[in-house]
Amino acid sequence: MVGVYDLCARVQNGFRAKIARIAVPETNLNLSVSRILYQQGFIYSVTRGNHLGPDPSYTPTTNLNIAERRLWLNLKYYNDSPVLTKMSCISKPSRKITCSADEIIKIVSGVRAGIVKPLNPGEVIIVSTSRGILEINDAAKQNLGGILLARVS
């Protein structure tokens, strides 16, 4: 869960500083969230590499090199302004916000579910489900509930 906060902060700081490429630690959580950001069009690409830069060819992650492995995210800008304007965490370590499948369908359809505001156009919510990290629309289609991780707009 801590990785989500780190990823949100790094991505948002990268966009604010207008950096073309940022590095985040290579974890399964960061890879899943980065994949969703790529699929939704917030970033250009996700590549694996080390602390110096992306790898020119595939290098497997082992116990010997895990500390220096990174994911390199190429950030996307349109007319010199960032495509991603805000990436904030919904759940906290002290309070995890969980939603049932019915509540997720409510959020997607534009109805408030508890303390969670409805989904606005152009916005994405990332959910941790029993089938992995999914975008909220995919979780609603598969009728899954889970922990709400981050809101991206």
C-alpha atoms as a PDB file:
ATOM      1  CA  MET A   1       0.000   0.000   0.000  1.00  0.00           C
ATOM      2  CA  VAL A   2       2.903   2.353   0.672  1.00  0.00           C
ATOM      3  CA  GLY A   3       4.014   2.075  -2.960  1.00  0.00           C
ATOM      4  CA  VAL A   4       0.855   3.800  -4.170  1.00  0.00           C
ATOM      5  CA  TYR A   5       1.710   6.975  -2.232  1.00  0.00           C
ATOM      6  CA  ASP A   6       5.254   6.962  -3.538  1.00  0.00           C
ATOM      7  CA  LEU A   7       4.085   6.446  -7.120  1.00  0.00           C
ATOM      8  CA  CYS A   8       1.444   9.194  -6.851  1.00  0.00           C
ATOM      9  CA  ALA A   9       3.983  11.655  -5.478  1.00  0.00           C
ATOM     10  CA  ARG A  10       6.660  10.833  -8.071  1.00  0.00           C
ATOM     11  CA  VAL A  11       4.278  11.061 -11.033  1.00  0.00           C
ATOM     12  CA  GLN A  12       2.655  14.278  -9.858  1.00  0.00           C
ATOM     13  CA  ASN A  13       6.032  15.887  -9.070  1.00  0.00           C
ATOM     14  CA  GLY A  14       7.361  14.826 -12.471  1.00  0.00           C
ATOM     15  CA  PHE A  15       4.452  16.501 -14.248  1.00  0.00           C
ATOM     16  CA  ARG A  16       4.751  19.653 -12.146  1.00  0.00           C
ATOM     17  CA  ALA A  17       8.464  19.923 -12.948  1.00  0.00           C
ATOM     18  CA  LYS A  18       7.745  19.174 -16.653  1.00  0.00           C
ATOM     19  CA  ILE A  19      10.201  16.268 -16.696  1.00  0.00           C
ATOM     20  CA  ALA A  20      10.054  13.994 -19.740  1.00  0.00           C
ATOM     21  CA  ARG A  21      10.933  10.742 -17.937  1.00  0.00           C
ATOM     22  CA  ILE A  22      10.788   9.624 -14.299  1.00  0.00           C
ATOM     23  CA  ALA A  23      11.983   6.520 -12.473  1.00  0.00           C
ATOM     24  CA  VAL A  24       9.950   4.581  -9.921  1.00  0.00           C
ATOM     25  CA  PRO A  25      10.957   1.413  -8.037  1.00  0.00           C
ATOM     26  CA  GLU A  26      10.169  -1.777  -9.942  1.00  0.00           C
ATOM     27  CA  THR A  27       7.430  -3.530  -7.982  1.00  0.00           C
ATOM     28  CA  ASN A  28       4.384  -5.464  -9.124  1.00  0.00           C
ATOM     29  CA  LEU A  29       2.094  -2.757  -7.725  1.00  0.00           C
ATOM     30  CA  ASN A  30       3.930   0.050  -9.539  1.00  0.00           C
ATOM     31  CA  LEU A  31       3.952  -1.987 -12.750  1.00  0.00           C
ATOM     32  CA  SER A  32       0.193  -2.617 -12.548  1.00  0.00           C
ATOM     33  CA  VAL A  33      -0.666   1.025 -11.813  1.00  0.00           C
ATOM     34  CA  SER A  34       1.718   2.232 -14.553  1.00  0.00           C
ATOM     35  CA  ARG A  35       0.086  -0.173 -17.008  1.00  0.00           C
ATOM     36  CA  ILE A  36      -3.323   1.353 -16.228  1.00  0.00           C
ATOM     37  CA  LEU A  37      -1.946   4.897 -16.635  1.00  0.00           C
ATOM     38  CA  TYR A  38      -0.520   3.848 -20.028  1.00  0.00           C
ATOM     39  CA  GLN A  39      -3.760   2.185 -21.170  1.00  0.00           C
ATOM     40  CA  GLN A  40      -5.787   5.260 -20.201  1.00  0.00           C
ATOM     41  CA  GLY A  41      -3.433   7.601 -22.097  1.00  0.00           C
ATOM     42  CA  PHE A  42      -1.861   9.499 -19.213  1.00  0.00           C
ATOM     43  CA  ILE A  43       1.724   8.414 -20.024  1.00  0.00           C
ATOM     44  CA  TYR A  44       3.557   7.517 -23.263  1.00  0.00           C
ATOM     45  CA  SER A  45       5.413   4.383 -22.243  1.00  0.00           C
ATOM     46  CA  VAL A  46       6.667   2.170 -19.432  1.00  0.00           C
ATOM     47  CA  THR A  47      10.102   0.570 -19.736  1.00  0.00           C
ATOM     48  CA  ARG A  48      12.242  -1.424 -17.354  1.00  0.00           C
ATOM     49  CA  GLY A  49      15.757  -0.397 -16.489  1.00  0.00           C
ATOM     50  CA  ASN A  50      18.191   0.294 -13.703  1.00  0.00           C
ATOM     51  CA  HIS A  51      18.889   3.404 -11.658  1.00  0.00           C
ATOM     52  CA  LEU A  52      20.913   4.905 -14.534  1.00  0.00           C
ATOM     53  CA  GLY A  53      18.303   4.604 -17.295  1.00  0.00           C
ATOM     54  CA  PRO A  54      16.179   2.213 -19.363  1.00  0.00           C
ATOM     55  CA  ASP A  55      17.755  -1.065 -20.491  1.00  0.00           C
ATOM     56  CA  PRO A  56      18.577  -1.379 -24.218  1.00  0.00           C
ATOM     57  CA  SER A  57      17.788  -5.119 -23.974  1.00  0.00           C
ATOM     58  CA  TYR A  58      15.856  -7.234 -21.492  1.00  0.00           C
ATOM     59  CA  THR A  59      17.568  -7.793 -18.141  1.00  0.00           C
ATOM     60  CA  PRO A  60      15.770 -10.082 -15.690  1.00  0.00           C
ATOM     61  CA  THR A  61      15.236  -8.932 -12.119  1.00  0.00           C
ATOM     62  CA  THR A  62      17.046 -11.142  -9.615  1.00  0.00           C
ATOM     63  CA  ASN A  63      17.796 -10.986  -5.905  1.00  0.00           C
ATOM     64  CA  LEU A  64      21.219  -9.552  -6.732  1.00  0.00           C
ATOM     65  CA  ASN A  65      19.977  -6.552  -8.737  1.00  0.00           C
ATOM     66  CA  ILE A  66      16.530  -5.877  -7.271  1.00  0.00           C
ATOM     67  CA  ALA A  67      17.687  -2.766  -5.360  1.00  0.00           C
ATOM     68  CA  GLU A  68      18.721  -0.939  -8.523  1.00  0.00           C
ATOM     69  CA  ARG A  69      15.834  -1.989 -10.810  1.00  0.00           C
ATOM     70  CA  ARG A  70      13.460   0.813 -11.877  1.00  0.00           C
ATOM     71  CA  LEU A  71      10.459   1.412 -14.095  1.00  0.00           C
ATOM     72  CA  TRP A  72      10.954   4.408 -16.391  1.00  0.00           C
ATOM     73  CA  LEU A  73       7.745   6.285 -17.227  1.00  0.00           C
ATOM     74  CA  ASN A  74       7.675   8.677 -20.187  1.00  0.00           C
ATOM     75  CA  LEU A  75       5.246  11.435 -19.251  1.00  0.00           C
ATOM     76  CA  LYS A  76       2.777  12.878 -21.738  1.00  0.00           C
ATOM     77  CA  TYR A  77       2.191  16.592 -22.385  1.00  0.00           C
ATOM     78  CA  TYR A  78      -0.259  18.353 -24.708  1.00  0.00           C
ATOM     79  CA  ASN A  79       0.379  21.980 -25.760  1.00  0.00           C
ATOM     80  CA  ASP A  80       3.098  22.213 -23.107  1.00  0.00           C
ATOM     81  CA  SER A  81       0.697  21.305 -20.296  1.00  0.00           C
ATOM     82  CA  PRO A  82       0.558  17.933 -18.527  1.00  0.00           C
ATOM     83  CA  VAL A  83      -2.078  15.400 -19.548  1.00  0.00           C
ATOM     84  CA  LEU A  84      -2.353  14.176 -15.946  1.00  0.00           C
ATOM     85  CA  THR A  85      -3.378  17.048 -13.688  1.00  0.00           C
ATOM     86  CA  LYS A  86      -3.950  15.265 -10.388  1.00  0.00           C
ATOM     87  CA  MET A  87      -3.129  11.842  -8.974  1.00  0.00           C
ATOM     88  CA  SER A  88      -4.227  11.345  -5.396  1.00  0.00           C
ATOM     89  CA  CYS A  89      -4.567   8.354  -3.107  1.00  0.00           C
ATOM     90  CA  ILE A  90      -7.989   7.377  -1.836  1.00  0.00           C
ATOM     91  CA  SER A  91      -7.083   4.783   0.809  1.00  0.00           C
ATOM     92  CA  LYS A  92      -4.664   5.518   3.614  1.00  0.00           C
ATOM     93  CA  PRO A  93      -2.626   3.042   5.629  1.00  0.00           C
ATOM     94  CA  SER A  94      -4.733   3.948   8.663  1.00  0.00           C
ATOM     95  CA  ARG A  95      -8.035   3.696   6.740  1.00  0.00           C
ATOM     96  CA  LYS A  96      -8.517   1.465   3.736  1.00  0.00           C
ATOM     97  CA  ILE A  97     -11.554   2.396   1.657  1.00  0.00           C
ATOM     98  CA  THR A  98     -13.185  -0.782   0.408  1.00  0.00           C
ATOM     99  CA  CYS A  99     -16.174  -0.981  -1.898  1.00  0.00           C
ATOM    100  CA  SER A 100     -18.421  -3.855  -2.798  1.00  0.00           C
ATOM    101  CA  ALA A 101     -19.265  -4.637  -6.416  1.00  0.00           C
ATOM    102  CA  ASP A 102     -22.583  -2.780  -6.074  1.00  0.00           C
ATOM    103  CA  GLU A 103     -20.862   0.334  -4.697  1.00  0.00           C
ATOM    104  CA  ILE A 104     -18.323   0.281  -7.539  1.00  0.00           C
ATOM    105  CA  ILE A 105     -21.161   0.150 -10.072  1.00  0.00           C
ATOM    106  CA  LYS A 106     -22.754   3.150  -8.303  1.00  0.00           C
ATOM    107  CA  ILE A 107     -19.496   5.147  -8.486  1.00  0.00           C
ATOM    108  CA  VAL A 108     -19.096   4.370 -12.198  1.00  0.00           C
ATOM    109  CA  SER A 109     -22.704   5.344 -12.951  1.00  0.00           C
ATOM    110  CA  GLY A 110     -22.313   8.739 -11.251  1.00  0.00           C
ATOM    111  CA  VAL A 111     -23.773   8.126  -7.786  1.00  0.00           C
ATOM    112  CA  ARG A 112     -21.914   8.751  -4.541  1.00  0.00           C
ATOM    113  CA  ALA A 113     -21.123   5.567  -2.571  1.00  0.00           C
ATOM    114  CA  GLY A 114     -20.430   6.371   1.078  1.00  0.00           C
ATOM    115  CA  ILE A 115     -17.558   8.862   1.272  1.00  0.00           C
ATOM    116  CA  VAL A 116     -16.372   8.209  -2.285  1.00  0.00           C
ATOM    117  CA  LYS A 117     -17.394  10.790  -4.858  1.00  0.00           C
ATOM    118  CA  PRO A 118     -18.715   9.589  -8.226  1.00  0.00           C
ATOM    119  CA  LEU A 119     -16.491   9.188 -11.262  1.00  0.00           C
ATOM    120  CA  ASN A 120     -16.255  12.329 -13.402  1.00  0.00           C
ATOM    121  CA  PRO A 121     -15.638  12.303 -17.172  1.00  0.00           C
ATOM    122  CA  GLY A 122     -11.934  11.918 -17.949  1.00  0.00           C
ATOM    123  CA  GLU A 123     -11.211  10.525 -14.508  1.00  0.00           C
ATOM    124  CA  VAL A 124      -9.870   7.088 -13.563  1.00  0.00           C
ATOM    125  CA  ILE A 125     -10.012   5.239 -10.247  1.00  0.00           C
ATOM    126  CA  ILE A 126      -7.577   2.379  -9.653  1.00  0.00           C
ATOM    127  CA  VAL A 127      -8.908  -0.559  -7.620  1.00  0.00           C
ATOM    128  CA  SER A 128      -7.119  -3.488  -5.985  1.00  0.00           C
ATOM    129  CA  THR A 129      -9.376  -6.525  -6.481  1.00  0.00           C
ATOM    130  CA  SER A 130      -9.084 -10.262  -5.954  1.00  0.00           C
ATOM    131  CA  ARG A 131      -8.079 -10.517  -9.628  1.00  0.00           C
ATOM    132  CA  GLY A 132      -5.340  -7.892  -9.422  1.00  0.00           C
ATOM    133  CA  ILE A 133      -5.076  -4.142  -9.898  1.00  0.00           C
ATOM    134  CA  LEU A 134      -7.842  -2.934 -12.248  1.00  0.00           C
ATOM    135  CA  GLU A 135      -9.366   0.279 -13.505  1.00  0.00           C
ATOM    136  CA  ILE A 136     -12.788   0.866 -11.916  1.00  0.00           C
ATOM    137  CA  ASN A 137     -14.728   0.354 -15.166  1.00  0.00           C
ATOM    138  CA  ASP A 138     -13.099  -3.062 -15.622  1.00  0.00           C
ATOM    139  CA  ALA A 139     -13.911  -3.964 -12.011  1.00  0.00           C
ATOM    140  CA  ALA A 140     -17.539  -2.932 -12.582  1.00  0.00           C
ATOM    141  CA  LYS A 141     -17.764  -5.040 -15.775  1.00  0.00           C
ATOM    142  CA  GLN A 142     -16.359  -8.062 -13.935  1.00  0.00           C
ATOM    143  CA  ASN A 143     -18.659  -7.388 -10.936  1.00  0.00           C
ATOM    144  CA  LEU A 144     -15.736  -7.153  -8.477  1.00  0.00           C
ATOM    145  CA  GLY A 145     -15.258  -5.168  -5.301  1.00  0.00           C
ATOM    146  CA  GLY A 146     -11.994  -4.150  -3.688  1.00  0.00           C
ATOM    147  CA  ILE A 147      -9.796  -1.481  -2.148  1.00  0.00           C
ATOM    148  CA  LEU A 148      -9.801   1.904  -3.884  1.00  0.00           C
ATOM    149  CA  LEU A 149      -6.163   2.937  -4.363  1.00  0.00           C
ATOM    150  CA  ALA A 150      -5.929   6.159  -6.369  1.00  0.00           C
ATOM    151  CA  ARG A 151      -7.930   8.698  -8.333  1.00  0.00           C
ATOM    152  CA  VAL A 152      -6.354  10.097 -11.509  1.00  0.00           C
ATOM    153  CA  SER A 153      -7.597  13.055 -13.552  1.00  0.00           C
END
